[in-house]
C-alpha atoms as a PDB file:
ATOM      1  CA  MET A   1       6.220 -19.327   6.380  1.00  0.00           C
ATOM      2  CA  SER A   2       2.668 -19.634   5.076  1.00  0.00           C
ATOM      3  CA  THR A   3       0.968 -22.303   7.139  1.00  0.00           C
ATOM      4  CA  GLU A   4      -2.692 -21.382   7.222  1.00  0.00           C
ATOM      5  CA  GLY A   5      -5.476 -23.410   5.707  1.00  0.00           C
ATOM      6  CA  GLY A   6      -5.569 -27.121   4.921  1.00  0.00           C
ATOM      7  CA  ASN A   7      -5.442 -30.063   7.314  1.00  0.00           C
ATOM      8  CA  TRP A   8      -3.287 -31.102  10.236  1.00  0.00           C
ATOM      9  CA  THR A   9      -1.493 -34.085   8.658  1.00  0.00           C
ATOM     10  CA  ASP A  10       1.870 -32.317   8.596  1.00  0.00           C
ATOM     11  CA  LEU A  11       1.803 -31.304  12.260  1.00  0.00           C
ATOM     12  CA  ARG A  12       3.874 -34.230  13.596  1.00  0.00           C
ATOM     13  CA  ALA A  13       6.631 -33.754  11.010  1.00  0.00           C
ATOM     14  CA  ARG A  14       6.599 -30.009  11.625  1.00  0.00           C
ATOM     15  CA  VAL A  15       6.982 -30.437  15.377  1.00  0.00           C
ATOM     16  CA  LEU A  16       9.818 -32.977  15.152  1.00  0.00           C
ATOM     17  CA  SER A  17      11.704 -30.916  12.588  1.00  0.00           C
ATOM     18  CA  ALA A  18      11.172 -27.794  14.664  1.00  0.00           C
ATOM     19  CA  LEU A  19      12.681 -29.496  17.715  1.00  0.00           C
ATOM     20  CA  VAL A  20      15.814 -30.407  15.767  1.00  0.00           C
ATOM     21  CA  MET A  21      16.119 -26.846  14.448  1.00  0.00           C
ATOM     22  CA  VAL A  22      15.640 -25.444  17.936  1.00  0.00           C
ATOM     23  CA  VAL A  23      18.414 -27.615  19.360  1.00  0.00           C
ATOM     24  CA  ILE A  24      20.872 -26.685  16.602  1.00  0.00           C
ATOM     25  CA  GLY A  25      19.923 -23.025  16.482  1.00  0.00           C
ATOM     26  CA  ALA A  26      19.762 -22.517  20.243  1.00  0.00           C
ATOM     27  CA  GLY A  27      23.095 -24.234  20.730  1.00  0.00           C
ATOM     28  CA  ALA A  28      24.804 -22.044  18.128  1.00  0.00           C
ATOM     29  CA  ILE A  29      23.203 -18.863  19.452  1.00  0.00           C
ATOM     30  CA  TRP A  30      24.182 -19.686  23.028  1.00  0.00           C
ATOM     31  CA  ALA A  31      27.752 -20.493  22.009  1.00  0.00           C
ATOM     32  CA  GLY A  32      28.031 -17.472  19.721  1.00  0.00           C
ATOM     33  CA  GLY A  33      31.362 -16.732  18.060  1.00  0.00           C
ATOM     34  CA  LEU A  34      32.642 -19.277  15.586  1.00  0.00           C
ATOM     35  CA  ALA A  35      29.742 -21.708  16.121  1.00  0.00           C
ATOM     36  CA  LEU A  36      27.106 -19.124  15.208  1.00  0.00           C
ATOM     37  CA  ALA A  37      29.184 -17.741  12.347  1.00  0.00           C
ATOM     38  CA  ALA A  38      29.614 -21.260  10.923  1.00  0.00           C
ATOM     39  CA  LEU A  39      25.882 -21.880  11.146  1.00  0.00           C
ATOM     40  CA  GLY A  40      25.275 -18.531   9.451  1.00  0.00           C
ATOM     41  CA  VAL A  41      27.586 -19.502   6.595  1.00  0.00           C
ATOM     42  CA  VAL A  42      25.858 -22.860   6.089  1.00  0.00           C
ATOM     43  CA  VAL A  43      22.342 -21.443   6.319  1.00  0.00           C
ATOM     44  CA  THR A  44      23.176 -18.632   3.900  1.00  0.00           C
ATOM     45  CA  GLY A  45      24.621 -21.034   1.356  1.00  0.00           C
ATOM     46  CA  LEU A  46      21.589 -23.314   1.534  1.00  0.00           C
ATOM     47  CA  MET A  47      19.071 -20.466   1.307  1.00  0.00           C
ATOM     48  CA  ILE A  48      20.819 -18.962  -1.723  1.00  0.00           C
ATOM     49  CA  TRP A  49      20.948 -22.446  -3.283  1.00  0.00           C
ATOM     50  CA  GLU A  50      17.184 -22.744  -2.762  1.00  0.00           C
ATOM     51  CA  LEU A  51      16.577 -19.294  -4.224  1.00  0.00           C
ATOM     52  CA  ALA A  52      18.667 -20.141  -7.288  1.00  0.00           C
ATOM     53  CA  ARG A  53      16.677 -23.363  -7.749  1.00  0.00           C
ATOM     54  CA  MET A  54      13.497 -21.303  -7.895  1.00  0.00           C
ATOM     55  CA  VAL A  55      14.640 -18.665 -10.372  1.00  0.00           C
ATOM     56  CA  ILE A  56      17.157 -20.561 -12.544  1.00  0.00           C
ATOM     57  CA  PRO A  57      15.309 -23.690 -13.726  1.00  0.00           C
ATOM     58  CA  ASP A  58      17.038 -26.943 -14.637  1.00  0.00           C
ATOM     59  CA  ASN A  59      20.626 -25.958 -13.973  1.00  0.00           C
ATOM     60  CA  SER A  60      21.936 -27.699 -10.862  1.00  0.00           C
ATOM     61  CA  ALA A  61      25.493 -26.507 -11.487  1.00  0.00           C
ATOM     62  CA  LYS A  62      24.427 -22.871 -11.255  1.00  0.00           C
ATOM     63  CA  HIS A  63      22.287 -23.653  -8.198  1.00  0.00           C
ATOM     64  CA  VAL A  64      25.319 -25.082  -6.417  1.00  0.00           C
ATOM     65  CA  ALA A  65      27.537 -22.246  -7.640  1.00  0.00           C
ATOM     66  CA  ALA A  66      25.138 -19.631  -6.276  1.00  0.00           C
ATOM     67  CA  GLY A  67      24.902 -21.376  -2.904  1.00  0.00           C
ATOM     68  CA  ALA A  68      28.659 -21.792  -2.683  1.00  0.00           C
ATOM     69  CA  LEU A  69      29.165 -18.139  -3.596  1.00  0.00           C
ATOM     70  CA  GLY A  70      26.755 -17.065  -0.872  1.00  0.00           C
ATOM     71  CA  ALA A  71      28.495 -19.225   1.724  1.00  0.00           C
ATOM     72  CA  VAL A  72      32.015 -18.129   0.753  1.00  0.00           C
ATOM     73  CA  PHE A  73      31.236 -14.438   0.815  1.00  0.00           C
ATOM     74  CA  MET A  74      29.368 -14.760   4.099  1.00  0.00           C
ATOM     75  CA  ALA A  75      32.470 -16.383   5.568  1.00  0.00           C
ATOM     76  CA  LEU A  76      34.634 -13.573   4.168  1.00  0.00           C
ATOM     77  CA  ALA A  77      32.276 -11.008   5.717  1.00  0.00           C
ATOM     78  CA  PHE A  78      33.139 -12.412   9.152  1.00  0.00           C
ATOM     79  CA  TRP A  79      36.864 -12.297   8.455  1.00  0.00           C
ATOM     80  CA  PRO A  80      38.513  -9.499  10.467  1.00  0.00           C
ATOM     81  CA  GLY A  81      39.708  -6.627   8.333  1.00  0.00           C
ATOM     82  CA  GLY A  82      38.029  -7.886   5.169  1.00  0.00           C
ATOM     83  CA  LEU A  83      35.877  -5.983   2.711  1.00  0.00           C
ATOM     84  CA  PRO A  84      32.617  -4.551   4.067  1.00  0.00           C
ATOM     85  CA  SER A  85      29.761  -7.036   3.912  1.00  0.00           C
ATOM     86  CA  PHE A  86      27.593  -4.696   1.852  1.00  0.00           C
ATOM     87  CA  LEU A  87      30.173  -4.970  -0.948  1.00  0.00           C
ATOM     88  CA  LEU A  88      30.832  -8.695  -0.628  1.00  0.00           C
ATOM     89  CA  PHE A  89      27.148  -9.547  -0.733  1.00  0.00           C
ATOM     90  CA  LEU A  90      26.648  -7.894  -4.128  1.00  0.00           C
ATOM     91  CA  ALA A  91      28.159 -10.932  -5.865  1.00  0.00           C
ATOM     92  CA  VAL A  92      25.156 -13.199  -5.348  1.00  0.00           C
ATOM     93  CA  PRO A  93      22.522 -10.675  -6.533  1.00  0.00           C
ATOM     94  CA  ALA A  94      24.639 -10.026  -9.614  1.00  0.00           C
ATOM     95  CA  LEU A  95      24.659 -13.736 -10.450  1.00  0.00           C
ATOM     96  CA  LEU A  96      20.925 -14.181  -9.890  1.00  0.00           C
ATOM     97  CA  ALA A  97      20.072 -11.030 -11.847  1.00  0.00           C
ATOM     98  CA  SER A  98      22.086 -12.155 -14.856  1.00  0.00           C
ATOM     99  CA  GLU A  99      20.865 -15.753 -14.850  1.00  0.00           C
ATOM    100  CA  GLY A 100      17.369 -15.631 -13.351  1.00  0.00           C
ATOM    101  CA  ARG A 101      14.549 -15.686 -15.870  1.00  0.00           C
ATOM    102  CA  LYS A 102      11.912 -14.137 -13.634  1.00  0.00           C
ATOM    103  CA  LEU A 103      11.711 -11.286 -11.163  1.00  0.00           C
ATOM    104  CA  ARG A 104      15.048  -9.867 -12.319  1.00  0.00           C
ATOM    105  CA  LEU A 105      14.887  -6.893  -9.954  1.00  0.00           C
ATOM    106  CA  TRP A 106      13.103  -8.408  -6.976  1.00  0.00           C
ATOM    107  CA  VAL A 107      15.174 -11.580  -6.639  1.00  0.00           C
ATOM    108  CA  PRO A 108      18.578  -9.810  -6.384  1.00  0.00           C
ATOM    109  CA  LEU A 109      17.173  -7.461  -3.737  1.00  0.00           C
ATOM    110  CA  TYR A 110      15.748 -10.424  -1.854  1.00  0.00           C
ATOM    111  CA  ALA A 111      19.058 -12.299  -2.028  1.00  0.00           C
ATOM    112  CA  TYR A 112      20.930  -9.260  -0.746  1.00  0.00           C
ATOM    113  CA  GLY A 113      18.440  -8.868   2.103  1.00  0.00           C
ATOM    114  CA  LEU A 114      18.862 -12.513   3.111  1.00  0.00           C
ATOM    115  CA  GLN A 115      22.618 -12.116   3.363  1.00  0.00           C
ATOM    116  CA  MET A 116      22.413  -8.890   5.354  1.00  0.00           C
ATOM    117  CA  ALA A 117      19.867 -10.433   7.730  1.00  0.00           C
ATOM    118  CA  VAL A 118      22.111 -13.400   8.527  1.00  0.00           C
ATOM    119  CA  TRP A 119      25.148 -11.139   8.882  1.00  0.00           C
ATOM    120  CA  TYR A 120      23.301  -8.849  11.295  1.00  0.00           C
ATOM    121  CA  LEU A 121      22.146 -11.763  13.445  1.00  0.00           C
ATOM    122  CA  VAL A 122      25.683 -13.094  13.827  1.00  0.00           C
ATOM    123  CA  MET A 123      27.211  -9.680  14.460  1.00  0.00           C
ATOM    124  CA  LEU A 124      24.527  -8.733  16.993  1.00  0.00           C
ATOM    125  CA  ARG A 125      25.375 -11.770  19.109  1.00  0.00           C
ATOM    126  CA  GLY A 126      28.743 -10.228  19.934  1.00  0.00           C
ATOM    127  CA  ALA A 127      27.260  -6.875  21.005  1.00  0.00           C
ATOM    128  CA  ASP A 128      26.137  -5.898  24.501  1.00  0.00           C
ATOM    129  CA  GLY A 129      22.632  -7.217  25.051  1.00  0.00           C
ATOM    130  CA  GLY A 130      22.853  -9.160  21.813  1.00  0.00           C
ATOM    131  CA  LEU A 131      21.821 -12.485  23.294  1.00  0.00           C
ATOM    132  CA  PHE A 132      18.713 -10.927  24.839  1.00  0.00           C
ATOM    133  CA  ALA A 133      17.829  -9.270  21.529  1.00  0.00           C
ATOM    134  CA  ILE A 134      18.200 -12.533  19.618  1.00  0.00           C
ATOM    135  CA  ILE A 135      16.069 -14.469  22.105  1.00  0.00           C
ATOM    136  CA  TRP A 136      13.428 -11.723  21.951  1.00  0.00           C
ATOM    137  CA  VAL A 137      13.246 -11.801  18.137  1.00  0.00           C
ATOM    138  CA  VAL A 138      13.068 -15.599  18.021  1.00  0.00           C
ATOM    139  CA  LEU A 139      10.286 -15.636  20.620  1.00  0.00           C
ATOM    140  CA  VAL A 140       8.376 -12.934  18.733  1.00  0.00           C
ATOM    141  CA  ILE A 141       8.563 -14.773  15.413  1.00  0.00           C
ATOM    142  CA  VAL A 142       7.761 -18.156  16.941  1.00  0.00           C
ATOM    143  CA  ALA A 143       4.772 -16.743  18.853  1.00  0.00           C
ATOM    144  CA  SER A 144       3.553 -14.938  15.736  1.00  0.00           C
ATOM    145  CA  ASP A 145       3.973 -18.047  13.587  1.00  0.00           C
ATOM    146  CA  VAL A 146       2.362 -20.456  16.060  1.00  0.00           C
ATOM    147  CA  MET A 147      -0.628 -18.249  16.869  1.00  0.00           C
ATOM    148  CA  GLY A 148      -1.067 -17.393  13.202  1.00  0.00           C
ATOM    149  CA  TYR A 149      -0.886 -21.084  12.282  1.00  0.00           C
ATOM    150  CA  PHE A 150      -3.568 -22.217  14.711  1.00  0.00           C
ATOM    151  CA  ALA A 151      -5.822 -19.174  14.335  1.00  0.00           C
ATOM    152  CA  GLY A 152      -5.670 -19.357  10.551  1.00  0.00           C
ATOM    153  CA  ARG A 153      -6.510 -23.045  10.504  1.00  0.00           C
ATOM    154  CA  THR A 154      -9.272 -22.935  13.097  1.00  0.00           C
ATOM    155  CA  MET A 155     -10.889 -19.579  12.287  1.00  0.00           C
ATOM    156  CA  GLY A 156     -10.167 -19.113   8.594  1.00  0.00           C
ATOM    157  CA  GLY A 157     -11.875 -16.076   7.119  1.00  0.00           C
ATOM    158  CA  PRO A 158     -10.841 -13.423   4.585  1.00  0.00           C
ATOM    159  CA  LYS A 159      -7.446 -13.741   2.959  1.00  0.00           C
ATOM    160  CA  PHE A 160      -4.703 -11.249   3.822  1.00  0.00           C
ATOM    161  CA  TRP A 161      -3.188 -11.000   0.323  1.00  0.00           C
ATOM    162  CA  PRO A 162      -4.717 -13.725  -1.875  1.00  0.00           C
ATOM    163  CA  ARG A 163      -2.828 -12.813  -5.056  1.00  0.00           C
ATOM    164  CA  VAL A 164       0.526 -13.390  -3.365  1.00  0.00           C
ATOM    165  CA  SER A 165      -0.110 -15.723  -0.424  1.00  0.00           C
ATOM    166  CA  PRO A 166      -3.489 -17.429  -0.873  1.00  0.00           C
ATOM    167  CA  LYS A 167      -3.312 -19.380   2.405  1.00  0.00           C
ATOM    168  CA  LYS A 168      -2.608 -16.454   4.721  1.00  0.00           C
ATOM    169  CA  THR A 169      -5.728 -15.085   6.433  1.00  0.00           C
ATOM    170  CA  TRP A 170      -6.452 -11.889   8.312  1.00  0.00           C
ATOM    171  CA  SER A 171      -7.347 -13.959  11.391  1.00  0.00           C
ATOM    172  CA  GLY A 172      -3.920 -15.611  11.374  1.00  0.00           C
ATOM    173  CA  THR A 173      -2.145 -12.336  10.654  1.00  0.00           C
ATOM    174  CA  ILE A 174      -3.814 -10.486  13.521  1.00  0.00           C
ATOM    175  CA  ALA A 175      -3.337 -13.450  15.850  1.00  0.00           C
ATOM    176  CA  GLY A 176       0.371 -13.260  15.002  1.00  0.00           C
ATOM    177  CA  TRP A 177       0.444  -9.600  16.050  1.00  0.00           C
ATOM    178  CA  VAL A 178      -1.295 -10.503  19.303  1.00  0.00           C
ATOM    179  CA  GLY A 179       1.195 -13.275  20.010  1.00  0.00           C
ATOM    180  CA  ALA A 180       4.128 -10.953  19.358  1.00  0.00           C
ATOM    181  CA  GLY A 181       2.602  -8.262  21.556  1.00  0.00           C
ATOM    182  CA  LEU A 182       2.203 -10.767  24.375  1.00  0.00           C
ATOM    183  CA  ILE A 183       5.906 -11.599  24.192  1.00  0.00           C
ATOM    184  CA  GLY A 184       6.757  -7.915  24.462  1.00  0.00           C
ATOM    185  CA  TRP A 185       4.281  -7.464  27.314  1.00  0.00           C
ATOM    186  CA  ALA A 186       5.752 -10.415  29.216  1.00  0.00           C
ATOM    187  CA  LEU A 187       9.264  -8.978  28.921  1.00  0.00           C
ATOM    188  CA  VAL A 188       8.031  -5.579  30.111  1.00  0.00           C
ATOM    189  CA  VAL A 189       6.184  -7.008  33.113  1.00  0.00           C
ATOM    190  CA  PHE A 190       8.547  -9.764  34.203  1.00  0.00           C
ATOM    191  CA  ASP A 191      11.940  -8.548  32.993  1.00  0.00           C
ATOM    192  CA  GLY A 192      11.612  -4.786  33.343  1.00  0.00           C
ATOM    193  CA  ALA A 193      12.036  -4.064  29.628  1.00  0.00           C
ATOM    194  CA  PRO A 194      10.851  -0.651  28.367  1.00  0.00           C
ATOM    195  CA  ALA A 195       7.179  -0.470  27.352  1.00  0.00           C
ATOM    196  CA  ILE A 196       8.126   0.427  23.778  1.00  0.00           C
ATOM    197  CA  LEU A 197       9.170  -3.205  23.380  1.00  0.00           C
ATOM    198  CA  ILE A 198       5.507  -4.156  23.027  1.00  0.00           C
ATOM    199  CA  LEU A 199       5.142  -1.980  19.922  1.00  0.00           C
ATOM    200  CA  MET A 200       8.530  -3.103  18.615  1.00  0.00           C
ATOM    201  CA  SER A 201       7.460  -6.724  19.034  1.00  0.00           C
ATOM    202  CA  ILE A 202       4.357  -6.150  16.916  1.00  0.00           C
ATOM    203  CA  LEU A 203       6.330  -4.265  14.249  1.00  0.00           C
ATOM    204  CA  THR A 204       8.958  -7.006  14.197  1.00  0.00           C
ATOM    205  CA  ALA A 205       6.263  -9.646  13.783  1.00  0.00           C
ATOM    206  CA  PHE A 206       4.782  -7.640  10.905  1.00  0.00           C
ATOM    207  CA  ALA A 207       8.227  -7.426   9.287  1.00  0.00           C
ATOM    208  CA  GLY A 208       8.494 -11.195   9.680  1.00  0.00           C
ATOM    209  CA  GLN A 209       5.132 -11.630   7.989  1.00  0.00           C
ATOM    210  CA  MET A 210       6.336  -9.429   5.134  1.00  0.00           C
ATOM    211  CA  GLY A 211       9.402 -11.663   4.861  1.00  0.00           C
ATOM    212  CA  ASP A 212       7.004 -14.561   4.485  1.00  0.00           C
ATOM    213  CA  ILE A 213       5.012 -12.641   1.866  1.00  0.00           C
ATOM    214  CA  ALA A 214       8.186 -11.791  -0.065  1.00  0.00           C
ATOM    215  CA  GLU A 215       9.161 -15.437  -0.397  1.00  0.00           C
ATOM    216  CA  SER A 216       5.564 -16.367  -1.261  1.00  0.00           C
ATOM    217  CA  ALA A 217       5.635 -13.836  -4.101  1.00  0.00           C
ATOM    218  CA  ILE A 218       8.742 -15.452  -5.558  1.00  0.00           C
ATOM    219  CA  LYS A 219       7.302 -18.940  -5.237  1.00  0.00           C
ATOM    220  CA  ARG A 220       4.022 -17.876  -6.800  1.00  0.00           C
ATOM    221  CA  ALA A 221       5.778 -16.171  -9.718  1.00  0.00           C
ATOM    222  CA  THR A 222       7.920 -19.250 -10.369  1.00  0.00           C
ATOM    223  CA  GLY A 223       5.153 -21.799  -9.763  1.00  0.00           C
ATOM    224  CA  ILE A 224       7.005 -23.545  -6.910  1.00  0.00           C
ATOM    225  CA  LYS A 225       5.290 -24.794  -3.758  1.00  0.00           C
ATOM    226  CA  ASP A 226       8.321 -25.231  -1.462  1.00  0.00           C
ATOM    227  CA  SER A 227      11.821 -23.803  -1.817  1.00  0.00           C
ATOM    228  CA  SER A 228      13.174 -27.346  -1.283  1.00  0.00           C
ATOM    229  CA  ASN A 229      12.453 -30.474   0.757  1.00  0.00           C
ATOM    230  CA  LEU A 230      15.359 -30.162   3.193  1.00  0.00           C
ATOM    231  CA  ILE A 231      13.152 -29.920   6.295  1.00  0.00           C
ATOM    232  CA  PRO A 232      10.288 -32.432   6.683  1.00  0.00           C
ATOM    233  CA  GLY A 233       6.988 -30.650   7.290  1.00  0.00           C
ATOM    234  CA  HIS A 234       8.480 -27.234   6.576  1.00  0.00           C
ATOM    235  CA  GLY A 235       9.828 -27.449   3.036  1.00  0.00           C
ATOM    236  CA  GLY A 236      13.132 -25.643   2.725  1.00  0.00           C
ATOM    237  CA  LEU A 237      15.180 -23.311   4.858  1.00  0.00           C
ATOM    238  CA  LEU A 238      13.706 -20.320   3.070  1.00  0.00           C
ATOM    239  CA  ASP A 239      10.221 -21.576   3.902  1.00  0.00           C
ATOM    240  CA  ARG A 240      11.175 -21.732   7.557  1.00  0.00           C
ATOM    241  CA  PHE A 241      13.443 -18.700   7.965  1.00  0.00           C
ATOM    242  CA  ASP A 242      11.765 -16.211   5.626  1.00  0.00           C
ATOM    243  CA  ALA A 243      10.030 -14.548   8.567  1.00  0.00           C
ATOM    244  CA  LEU A 244      13.179 -14.405  10.692  1.00  0.00           C
ATOM    245  CA  ALA A 245      15.069 -12.881   7.767  1.00  0.00           C
ATOM    246  CA  GLY A 246      12.388 -10.216   7.402  1.00  0.00           C
ATOM    247  CA  ALA A 247      12.560  -9.448  11.120  1.00  0.00           C
ATOM    248  CA  TRP A 248      16.364  -9.156  11.200  1.00  0.00           C
ATOM    249  CA  LEU A 249      16.426  -6.974   8.103  1.00  0.00           C
ATOM    250  CA  PHE A 250      13.810  -4.669   9.632  1.00  0.00           C
ATOM    251  CA  LEU A 251      15.802  -4.325  12.854  1.00  0.00           C
ATOM    252  CA  LEU A 252      19.008  -3.682  10.930  1.00  0.00           C
ATOM    253  CA  LEU A 253      17.355  -0.892   8.949  1.00  0.00           C
ATOM    254  CA  PHE A 254      15.699   0.462  12.099  1.00  0.00           C
ATOM    255  CA  ASN A 255      19.018   0.651  13.913  1.00  0.00           C
ATOM    256  CA  MET A 256      20.707   2.254  10.926  1.00  0.00           C
ATOM    257  CA  LEU A 257      18.024   4.935  10.741  1.00  0.00           C
ATOM    258  CA  PHE A 258      17.426   5.645  14.429  1.00  0.00           C
ATOM    259  CA  SER A 259      20.422   4.403  16.371  1.00  0.00           C
ATOM    260  CA  GLY A 260      23.312   5.241  14.100  1.00  0.00           C
ATOM    261  CA  ALA A 261      24.262   1.556  13.993  1.00  0.00           C
END
């Protein structure tokens, strides 16, 4: 989420909303199983609904249809013995590609990536070490976001990619890498994790920042400030979880390429 620049008037709303999200998210992650899968279905449906609102103007019926389609096929992806998720998830990109008026190629790819990211998160929770991996990723993204937020607003400086995300600065971006690296370092020192986790933390934070940039590009192309107003101080779910989606998609691709997962 792009949070650099501007004033501090939204800080209270951001903090309160973040606490609610932490309670819901942490509870579902800790419980795993059906609770996490149900949350994944709901979050997917709402994020696809928000994406449809951005790229299909003035058609609430199609917005709802896209969100419902995303939720239904995410639920089917968790159904034992069903079709592979990579096939099920093609339905939403097909709808957005045929109806969206802008970014016809980019938006379907983005929608597909969102679905795969949520699917991977839920599936990872059931694997050995999955809970640790999820906690690590959440800590990395939160540390990157928080340090980037405060560094960007206090230090300012040159913009990271002004044509796409005019509020994001190099100071905030680098501070995010530092924050992520510190999380990896802490796990290496205090939990005995392998040293490579420090580099992986930085790369994961960068992937999260690219997830943020990807959503910013869509919003900029469609002239929309926030994906919705569902979360006070944060905008929509896409505005809040764009970085996490980027991180999960990166780790999924990394595991596919290097771990045979």
